[in-house]
PDB file of N, CA and C in Angstrom:
ATOM      1  N   UNK A   1     -11.395   0.956  -2.279  1.00  0.00           N
ATOM      2  CA  UNK A   1     -10.759   1.499  -1.092  1.00  0.00           C
ATOM      3  C   UNK A   1     -10.019   2.779  -1.463  1.00  0.00           C
ATOM      4  N   UNK A   2      -9.939   3.648  -0.533  1.00  0.00           N
ATOM      5  CA  UNK A   2      -9.290   4.942  -0.753  1.00  0.00           C
ATOM      6  C   UNK A   2      -7.774   4.799  -0.707  1.00  0.00           C
ATOM      7  N   UNK A   3      -7.107   5.541  -1.574  1.00  0.00           N
ATOM      8  CA  UNK A   3      -5.646   5.554  -1.572  1.00  0.00           C
ATOM      9  C   UNK A   3      -5.155   6.965  -1.266  1.00  0.00           C
ATOM     10  N   UNK A   4      -3.909   7.033  -0.798  1.00  0.00           N
ATOM     11  CA  UNK A   4      -3.271   8.320  -0.534  1.00  0.00           C
ATOM     12  C   UNK A   4      -1.926   8.340  -1.251  1.00  0.00           C
ATOM     13  N   UNK A   5      -1.285   9.490  -1.242  1.00  0.00           N
ATOM     14  CA  UNK A   5       0.023   9.625  -1.883  1.00  0.00           C
ATOM     15  C   UNK A   5       1.135   9.263  -0.907  1.00  0.00           C
ATOM     16  N   UNK A   6       2.326   9.087  -1.442  1.00  0.00           N
ATOM     17  CA  UNK A   6       3.500   8.822  -0.602  1.00  0.00           C
ATOM     18  C   UNK A   6       3.695   9.969   0.382  1.00  0.00           C
ATOM     19  N   UNK A   7       3.542  11.194  -0.102  1.00  0.00           N
ATOM     20  CA  UNK A   7       3.729  12.368   0.766  1.00  0.00           C
ATOM     21  C   UNK A   7       2.727  12.375   1.922  1.00  0.00           C
ATOM     22  N   UNK A   8       1.473  12.021   1.634  1.00  0.00           N
ATOM     23  CA  UNK A   8       0.458  11.972   2.697  1.00  0.00           C
ATOM     24  C   UNK A   8       0.780  10.873   3.701  1.00  0.00           C
ATOM     25  N   UNK A   9       1.246   9.731   3.215  1.00  0.00           N
ATOM     26  CA  UNK A   9       1.594   8.627   4.113  1.00  0.00           C
ATOM     27  C   UNK A   9       2.765   9.008   5.015  1.00  0.00           C
ATOM     28  N   UNK A  10       3.763   9.663   4.438  1.00  0.00           N
ATOM     29  CA  UNK A  10       4.910  10.088   5.247  1.00  0.00           C
ATOM     30  C   UNK A  10       4.489  11.117   6.289  1.00  0.00           C
ATOM     31  N   UNK A  11       3.578  12.011   5.924  1.00  0.00           N
ATOM     32  CA  UNK A  11       3.092  13.016   6.874  1.00  0.00           C
ATOM     33  C   UNK A  11       2.353  12.361   8.043  1.00  0.00           C
ATOM     34  N   UNK A  12       1.760  11.198   7.797  1.00  0.00           N
ATOM     35  CA  UNK A  12       1.058  10.457   8.856  1.00  0.00           C
ATOM     36  C   UNK A  12       1.999   9.529   9.615  1.00  0.00           C
ATOM     37  N   UNK A  13       3.295   9.615   9.298  1.00  0.00           N
ATOM     38  CA  UNK A  13       4.330   8.788   9.923  1.00  0.00           C
ATOM     39  C   UNK A  13       4.126   7.295   9.685  1.00  0.00           C
ATOM     40  N   UNK A  14       3.652   6.970   8.492  1.00  0.00           N
ATOM     41  CA  UNK A  14       3.523   5.582   8.079  1.00  0.00           C
ATOM     42  C   UNK A  14       4.776   5.189   7.303  1.00  0.00           C
ATOM     43  N   UNK A  15       5.005   3.908   7.168  1.00  0.00           N
ATOM     44  CA  UNK A  15       6.152   3.431   6.402  1.00  0.00           C
ATOM     45  C   UNK A  15       5.725   2.211   5.575  1.00  0.00           C
ATOM     46  N   UNK A  16       6.418   1.969   4.443  1.00  0.00           N
ATOM     47  CA  UNK A  16       5.989   0.890   3.557  1.00  0.00           C
ATOM     48  C   UNK A  16       6.158  -0.486   4.185  1.00  0.00           C
ATOM     49  N   UNK A  17       5.116  -1.273   4.045  1.00  0.00           N
ATOM     50  CA  UNK A  17       5.130  -2.656   4.516  1.00  0.00           C
ATOM     51  C   UNK A  17       5.354  -3.608   3.340  1.00  0.00           C
ATOM     52  N   UNK A  18       4.830  -3.246   2.174  1.00  0.00           N
ATOM     53  CA  UNK A  18       4.918  -4.125   1.009  1.00  0.00           C
ATOM     54  C   UNK A  18       5.592  -3.413  -0.159  1.00  0.00           C
ATOM     55  N   UNK A  19       5.995  -4.184  -1.128  1.00  0.00           N
ATOM     56  CA  UNK A  19       6.400  -3.654  -2.420  1.00  0.00           C
ATOM     57  C   UNK A  19       5.127  -3.354  -3.211  1.00  0.00           C
ATOM     58  N   UNK A  20       5.227  -2.628  -4.310  1.00  0.00           N
ATOM     59  CA  UNK A  20       4.018  -2.313  -5.075  1.00  0.00           C
ATOM     60  C   UNK A  20       3.364  -3.559  -5.677  1.00  0.00           C
ATOM     61  N   UNK A  21       2.046  -3.623  -5.518  1.00  0.00           N
ATOM     62  CA  UNK A  21       1.254  -4.672  -6.154  1.00  0.00           C
ATOM     63  C   UNK A  21       0.732  -4.150  -7.483  1.00  0.00           C
ATOM     64  N   UNK A  22       0.706  -5.010  -8.483  1.00  0.00           N
ATOM     65  CA  UNK A  22       0.096  -4.678  -9.773  1.00  0.00           C
ATOM     66  C   UNK A  22      -1.427  -4.736  -9.629  1.00  0.00           C
ATOM     67  N   UNK A  23      -2.151  -4.085 -10.530  1.00  0.00           N
ATOM     68  CA  UNK A  23      -3.619  -4.111 -10.433  1.00  0.00           C
ATOM     69  C   UNK A  23      -4.206  -5.523 -10.362  1.00  0.00           C
ATOM     70  N   UNK A  24      -3.635  -6.458 -11.090  1.00  0.00           N
ATOM     71  CA  UNK A  24      -4.181  -7.824 -11.075  1.00  0.00           C
ATOM     72  C   UNK A  24      -3.896  -8.564  -9.761  1.00  0.00           C
ATOM     73  N   UNK A  25      -3.087  -7.979  -8.898  1.00  0.00           N
ATOM     74  CA  UNK A  25      -2.749  -8.596  -7.615  1.00  0.00           C
ATOM     75  C   UNK A  25      -3.597  -8.053  -6.462  1.00  0.00           C
ATOM     76  N   UNK A  26      -4.718  -7.442  -6.785  1.00  0.00           N
ATOM     77  CA  UNK A  26      -5.566  -6.827  -5.769  1.00  0.00           C
ATOM     78  C   UNK A  26      -5.904  -7.791  -4.624  1.00  0.00           C
ATOM     79  N   UNK A  27      -6.213  -9.023  -4.938  1.00  0.00           N
ATOM     80  CA  UNK A  27      -6.577  -9.988  -3.898  1.00  0.00           C
ATOM     81  C   UNK A  27      -5.456 -10.156  -2.875  1.00  0.00           C
ATOM     82  N   UNK A  28      -4.222 -10.010  -3.318  1.00  0.00           N
ATOM     83  CA  UNK A  28      -3.092 -10.166  -2.398  1.00  0.00           C
ATOM     84  C   UNK A  28      -3.034  -9.019  -1.394  1.00  0.00           C
ATOM     85  N   UNK A  29      -3.148  -7.759  -1.879  1.00  0.00           N
ATOM     86  CA  UNK A  29      -3.077  -6.664  -0.911  1.00  0.00           C
ATOM     87  C   UNK A  29      -4.338  -6.595  -0.062  1.00  0.00           C
ATOM     88  N   UNK A  30      -5.463  -7.094  -0.569  1.00  0.00           N
ATOM     89  CA  UNK A  30      -6.675  -7.142   0.256  1.00  0.00           C
ATOM     90  C   UNK A  30      -6.483  -8.071   1.456  1.00  0.00           C
ATOM     91  N   UNK A  31      -5.732  -9.147   1.267  1.00  0.00           N
ATOM     92  CA  UNK A  31      -5.451 -10.061   2.382  1.00  0.00           C
ATOM     93  C   UNK A  31      -4.546  -9.394   3.410  1.00  0.00           C
ATOM     94  N   UNK A  32      -3.576  -8.620   2.955  1.00  0.00           N
ATOM     95  CA  UNK A  32      -2.712  -7.878   3.880  1.00  0.00           C
ATOM     96  C   UNK A  32      -3.559  -6.893   4.689  1.00  0.00           C
ATOM     97  N   UNK A  33      -4.455  -6.182   4.007  1.00  0.00           N
ATOM     98  CA  UNK A  33      -5.332  -5.213   4.679  1.00  0.00           C
ATOM     99  C   UNK A  33      -6.211  -5.917   5.709  1.00  0.00           C
ATOM    100  N   UNK A  34      -6.748  -7.073   5.365  1.00  0.00           N
ATOM    101  CA  UNK A  34      -7.595  -7.816   6.318  1.00  0.00           C
ATOM    102  C   UNK A  34      -6.801  -8.180   7.569  1.00  0.00           C
ATOM    103  N   UNK A  35      -5.545  -8.586   7.390  1.00  0.00           N
ATOM    104  CA  UNK A  35      -4.690  -8.896   8.545  1.00  0.00           C
ATOM    105  C   UNK A  35      -4.449  -7.650   9.397  1.00  0.00           C
ATOM    106  N   UNK A  36      -4.206  -6.516   8.733  1.00  0.00           N
ATOM    107  CA  UNK A  36      -3.964  -5.268   9.462  1.00  0.00           C
ATOM    108  C   UNK A  36      -5.206  -4.888  10.277  1.00  0.00           C
ATOM    109  N   UNK A  37      -6.373  -5.032   9.673  1.00  0.00           N
ATOM    110  CA  UNK A  37      -7.611  -4.695  10.379  1.00  0.00           C
ATOM    111  C   UNK A  37      -7.856  -5.636  11.548  1.00  0.00           C
ATOM    112  N   UNK A  38      -7.592  -6.929  11.362  1.00  0.00           N
ATOM    113  CA  UNK A  38      -7.761  -7.884  12.465  1.00  0.00           C
ATOM    114  C   UNK A  38      -6.844  -7.546  13.631  1.00  0.00           C
ATOM    115  N   UNK A  39      -5.655  -7.058  13.335  1.00  0.00           N
ATOM    116  CA  UNK A  39      -4.698  -6.722  14.372  1.00  0.00           C
ATOM    117  C   UNK A  39      -4.806  -5.293  14.876  1.00  0.00           C
ATOM    118  N   UNK A  40      -5.812  -4.557  14.386  1.00  0.00           N
ATOM    119  CA  UNK A  40      -5.986  -3.142  14.758  1.00  0.00           C
ATOM    120  C   UNK A  40      -4.705  -2.336  14.537  1.00  0.00           C
ATOM    121  N   UNK A  41      -4.049  -2.597  13.414  1.00  0.00           N
ATOM    122  CA  UNK A  41      -2.816  -1.902  13.061  1.00  0.00           C
ATOM    123  C   UNK A  41      -3.161  -0.798  12.074  1.00  0.00           C
ATOM    124  N   UNK A  42      -2.746   0.427  12.342  1.00  0.00           N
ATOM    125  CA  UNK A  42      -3.038   1.502  11.396  1.00  0.00           C
ATOM    126  C   UNK A  42      -2.319   1.269  10.067  1.00  0.00           C
ATOM    127  N   UNK A  43      -3.023   1.561   8.979  1.00  0.00           N
ATOM    128  CA  UNK A  43      -2.452   1.343   7.652  1.00  0.00           C
ATOM    129  C   UNK A  43      -3.075   2.308   6.663  1.00  0.00           C
ATOM    130  N   UNK A  44      -2.481   2.375   5.495  1.00  0.00           N
ATOM    131  CA  UNK A  44      -3.034   3.133   4.373  1.00  0.00           C
ATOM    132  C   UNK A  44      -2.590   2.458   3.089  1.00  0.00           C
ATOM    133  N   UNK A  45      -3.399   2.634   2.058  1.00  0.00           N
ATOM    134  CA  UNK A  45      -3.031   2.176   0.724  1.00  0.00           C
ATOM    135  C   UNK A  45      -2.439   3.356  -0.017  1.00  0.00           C
ATOM    136  N   UNK A  46      -1.251   3.170  -0.537  1.00  0.00           N
ATOM    137  CA  UNK A  46      -0.533   4.243  -1.218  1.00  0.00           C
ATOM    138  C   UNK A  46      -0.445   3.890  -2.708  1.00  0.00           C
ATOM    139  N   UNK A  47      -0.942   4.809  -3.534  1.00  0.00           N
ATOM    140  CA  UNK A  47      -0.893   4.615  -4.984  1.00  0.00           C
ATOM    141  C   UNK A  47       0.323   5.337  -5.534  1.00  0.00           C
ATOM    142  N   UNK A  48       1.089   4.643  -6.383  1.00  0.00           N
ATOM    143  CA  UNK A  48       2.277   5.259  -6.947  1.00  0.00           C
ATOM    144  C   UNK A  48       2.567   4.694  -8.324  1.00  0.00           C
ATOM    145  N   UNK A  49       3.293   5.464  -9.099  1.00  0.00           N
ATOM    146  CA  UNK A  49       3.707   5.033 -10.434  1.00  0.00           C
ATOM    147  C   UNK A  49       5.010   4.244 -10.317  1.00  0.00           C
ATOM    148  N   UNK A  50       5.043   3.090 -10.958  1.00  0.00           N
ATOM    149  CA  UNK A  50       6.210   2.218 -10.888  1.00  0.00           C
ATOM    150  C   UNK A  50       6.779   2.057 -12.299  1.00  0.00           C
ATOM    151  N   UNK A  51       8.064   2.356 -12.441  1.00  0.00           N
ATOM    152  CA  UNK A  51       8.765   2.101 -13.697  1.00  0.00           C
ATOM    153  C   UNK A  51       9.411   0.725 -13.583  1.00  0.00           C
ATOM    154  N   UNK A  52       9.022  -0.167 -14.466  1.00  0.00           N
ATOM    155  CA  UNK A  52       9.500  -1.542 -14.409  1.00  0.00           C
ATOM    156  C   UNK A  52      10.019  -1.941 -15.782  1.00  0.00           C
ATOM    157  N   UNK A  53      10.968  -2.837 -15.807  1.00  0.00           N
ATOM    158  CA  UNK A  53      11.558  -3.260 -17.082  1.00  0.00           C
ATOM    159  C   UNK A  53      10.524  -3.897 -18.012  1.00  0.00           C
ATOM    160  N   UNK A  54       9.438  -4.425 -17.457  1.00  0.00           N
ATOM    161  CA  UNK A  54       8.378  -5.022 -18.277  1.00  0.00           C
ATOM    162  C   UNK A  54       7.252  -4.029 -18.558  1.00  0.00           C
ATOM    163  N   UNK A  55       7.456  -2.786 -18.190  1.00  0.00           N
ATOM    164  CA  UNK A  55       6.466  -1.743 -18.456  1.00  0.00           C
ATOM    165  C   UNK A  55       6.009  -1.058 -17.184  1.00  0.00           C
ATOM    166  N   UNK A  56       5.762   0.230 -17.316  1.00  0.00           N
ATOM    167  CA  UNK A  56       5.310   1.024 -16.171  1.00  0.00           C
ATOM    168  C   UNK A  56       3.882   0.620 -15.787  1.00  0.00           C
ATOM    169  N   UNK A  57       3.576   0.783 -14.489  1.00  0.00           N
ATOM    170  CA  UNK A  57       2.220   0.513 -14.017  1.00  0.00           C
ATOM    171  C   UNK A  57       1.925   1.352 -12.789  1.00  0.00           C
ATOM    172  N   UNK A  58       0.645   1.501 -12.495  1.00  0.00           N
ATOM    173  CA  UNK A  58       0.208   2.160 -11.267  1.00  0.00           C
ATOM    174  C   UNK A  58       0.087   1.090 -10.203  1.00  0.00           C
ATOM    175  N   UNK A  59       0.902   1.204  -9.160  1.00  0.00           N
ATOM    176  CA  UNK A  59       0.934   0.189  -8.125  1.00  0.00           C
ATOM    177  C   UNK A  59       0.275   0.644  -6.831  1.00  0.00           C
ATOM    178  N   UNK A  60      -0.018  -0.332  -5.996  1.00  0.00           N
ATOM    179  CA  UNK A  60      -0.561  -0.093  -4.664  1.00  0.00           C
ATOM    180  C   UNK A  60       0.381  -0.722  -3.654  1.00  0.00           C
ATOM    181  N   UNK A  61       0.825   0.070  -2.698  1.00  0.00           N
ATOM    182  CA  UNK A  61       1.611  -0.442  -1.568  1.00  0.00           C
ATOM    183  C   UNK A  61       0.766  -0.317  -0.307  1.00  0.00           C
ATOM    184  N   UNK A  62       0.963  -1.252   0.610  1.00  0.00           N
ATOM    185  CA  UNK A  62       0.365  -1.139   1.930  1.00  0.00           C
ATOM    186  C   UNK A  62       1.417  -0.535   2.844  1.00  0.00           C
ATOM    187  N   UNK A  63       1.063   0.579   3.469  1.00  0.00           N
ATOM    188  CA  UNK A  63       1.936   1.243   4.431  1.00  0.00           C
ATOM    189  C   UNK A  63       1.315   1.080   5.811  1.00  0.00           C
ATOM    190  N   UNK A  64       2.135   0.998   6.825  1.00  0.00           N
ATOM    191  CA  UNK A  64       1.616   0.800   8.183  1.00  0.00           C
ATOM    192  C   UNK A  64       2.194   1.822   9.146  1.00  0.00           C
ATOM    193  N   UNK A  65       1.494   1.946  10.238  1.00  0.00           N
ATOM    194  CA  UNK A  65       1.976   2.776  11.330  1.00  0.00           C
ATOM    195  C   UNK A  65       2.306   1.887  12.511  1.00  0.00           C
ATOM    196  N   UNK A  66       2.809   2.493  13.547  1.00  0.00           N
ATOM    197  CA  UNK A  66       3.093   1.734  14.767  1.00  0.00           C
ATOM    198  C   UNK A  66       1.798   1.567  15.539  1.00  0.00           C
ATOM    199  N   UNK A  67       1.600   0.361  16.036  1.00  0.00           N
ATOM    200  CA  UNK A  67       0.355   0.090  16.777  1.00  0.00           C
ATOM    201  C   UNK A  67       0.554   0.254  18.260  1.00  0.00           C
TER     202      UNK A  67
END
């Protein structure tokens, strides 16, 4: 799935729905996306770098718009 940056999401007037998911948690954000699609709610996947006490990672957040 395609991802966008935080800046692109903000320009589209989207806001974060979830905290960042780790790469191994893909199945979890896929379920959120499926719910968004079922509800015809606009959304985007936002890729960002996360600094965490257990190590930095590239995370995915689900951002949504108003439906």
